[in-house]
Amino acid sequence: MNKIAITSVITLVFLILVVFFLGGFEPKQTEPVEVKPFKTATGNFVIEQDVNLPTLGRHQTVGGVCFIKLQRYPVCMQHEMRHCIEGDWHKGVKSSKDCYE
């Protein structure tokens, strides 16, 4: 065999090994996600920033209006809006889920 043919065979074997090894790895799933039935949501939101807030965010619903305070807008806005829509979805556990996505 000439030098080009040997180089081609080595390259082909290398590429096959790379595809074989990389094909076997799947992305790691961090946490199971609970899928809740959802059609639509409407609501009234008041969003304020409070740099002195001791947590990343806080919510409270009064009279159908959800008041959201964020330490740094928009960090945790999605998290707090989920509370307005879904209620206390991580009851008893401090969480920053959805805050940095």
Protein backbone atom coordinates (compact mmCIF):
# COMPACT_ATOMS: atom_id res chain seq x y z
CA MET A 1 0.00 0.00 0.00
CA ASN A 2 1.20 3.47 -0.68
CA LYS A 3 1.48 6.23 1.92
CA ILE A 4 -1.75 8.01 0.86
CA ALA A 5 -3.81 4.80 1.14
CA ILE A 6 -2.47 4.07 4.63
CA THR A 7 -3.21 7.63 5.75
CA SER A 8 -6.74 7.38 4.33
CA VAL A 9 -7.39 4.08 6.15
CA ILE A 10 -6.08 5.49 9.45
CA THR A 11 -8.25 8.61 9.04
CA LEU A 12 -11.31 6.50 8.25
CA VAL A 13 -10.75 4.25 11.28
CA PHE A 14 -10.26 7.34 13.49
CA LEU A 15 -13.50 8.91 12.24
CA ILE A 16 -15.42 5.67 12.80
CA LEU A 17 -14.10 5.46 16.36
CA VAL A 18 -15.02 9.11 17.04
CA VAL A 19 -18.57 8.58 15.75
CA PHE A 20 -18.86 5.34 17.73
CA PHE A 21 -17.76 6.87 21.03
CA LEU A 22 -19.58 10.17 20.69
CA GLY A 23 -22.75 8.47 19.50
CA GLY A 24 -22.96 6.50 22.74
CA PHE A 25 -23.10 9.55 25.00
CA GLU A 26 -26.41 11.19 25.74
CA PRO A 27 -26.84 14.55 27.47
CA LYS A 28 -27.21 14.17 31.23
CA GLN A 29 -30.70 14.98 32.46
CA THR A 30 -30.35 17.01 35.65
CA GLU A 31 -33.82 16.68 37.18
CA PRO A 32 -37.04 15.03 36.10
CA VAL A 33 -39.50 17.68 34.95
CA GLU A 34 -43.10 17.40 36.03
CA VAL A 35 -45.39 18.19 33.12
CA LYS A 36 -48.62 19.78 34.25
CA PRO A 37 -51.67 20.15 32.02
CA PHE A 38 -51.78 23.70 30.66
CA LYS A 39 -53.99 25.46 28.14
CA THR A 40 -53.76 29.19 28.73
CA ALA A 41 -53.18 31.70 31.49
CA THR A 42 -54.24 35.29 31.83
CA GLY A 43 -53.40 37.55 34.69
CA ASN A 44 -52.50 40.93 36.01
CA PHE A 45 -48.93 41.39 37.17
CA VAL A 46 -47.17 44.23 38.96
CA ILE A 47 -43.39 43.79 38.78
CA GLU A 48 -40.99 45.88 40.84
CA GLN A 49 -37.27 45.78 41.44
CA ASP A 50 -35.98 45.96 45.02
CA VAL A 51 -32.19 45.68 45.30
CA ASN A 52 -32.52 45.25 49.09
CA LEU A 53 -34.69 42.14 48.76
CA PRO A 54 -33.05 39.30 50.78
CA THR A 55 -34.05 36.69 48.16
CA LEU A 56 -33.85 36.70 44.35
CA GLY A 57 -37.61 37.14 44.10
CA ARG A 58 -40.90 37.12 45.92
CA HIS A 59 -44.57 37.03 44.88
CA GLN A 60 -47.94 37.65 46.48
CA THR A 61 -51.36 37.49 44.89
CA VAL A 62 -54.02 39.89 46.17
CA GLY A 63 -57.44 40.30 44.57
CA GLY A 64 -56.42 38.56 41.35
CA VAL A 65 -53.31 40.71 40.90
CA CYS A 66 -49.90 39.09 41.30
CA PHE A 67 -47.31 41.39 42.80
CA ILE A 68 -43.74 40.34 42.02
CA LYS A 69 -40.61 41.82 43.56
CA LEU A 70 -37.24 40.97 42.06
CA GLN A 71 -33.84 41.69 43.50
CA ARG A 72 -32.47 42.25 39.99
CA TYR A 73 -34.84 42.47 37.01
CA PRO A 74 -35.37 40.15 35.06
CA VAL A 75 -33.58 37.47 37.12
CA CYS A 76 -36.21 35.04 38.51
CA MET A 77 -39.15 36.69 36.75
CA GLN A 78 -40.12 33.39 35.08
CA HIS A 79 -39.83 31.59 38.43
CA GLU A 80 -42.07 34.08 40.22
CA MET A 81 -44.59 34.16 37.36
CA ARG A 82 -44.86 30.38 37.65
CA HIS A 83 -45.86 30.90 41.30
CA CYS A 84 -48.58 33.31 40.20
CA ILE A 85 -49.93 30.75 37.73
CA GLU A 86 -49.20 27.40 39.45
CA GLY A 87 -49.12 28.34 43.13
CA ASP A 88 -46.43 27.01 45.47
CA TRP A 89 -44.90 24.53 42.98
CA HIS A 90 -41.79 23.82 45.09
CA LYS A 91 -43.44 23.83 48.51
CA GLY A 92 -41.04 23.60 51.43
CA VAL A 93 -37.88 23.81 49.30
CA LYS A 94 -35.87 26.94 48.58
CA SER A 95 -35.33 27.05 44.84
CA SER A 96 -33.83 29.26 42.17
CA LYS A 97 -35.11 27.03 39.34
CA ASP A 98 -35.80 29.04 36.16
CA CYS A 99 -33.87 32.02 37.52
CA TYR A 100 -30.84 31.76 35.28
CA GLU A 101 -32.34 30.21 32.14
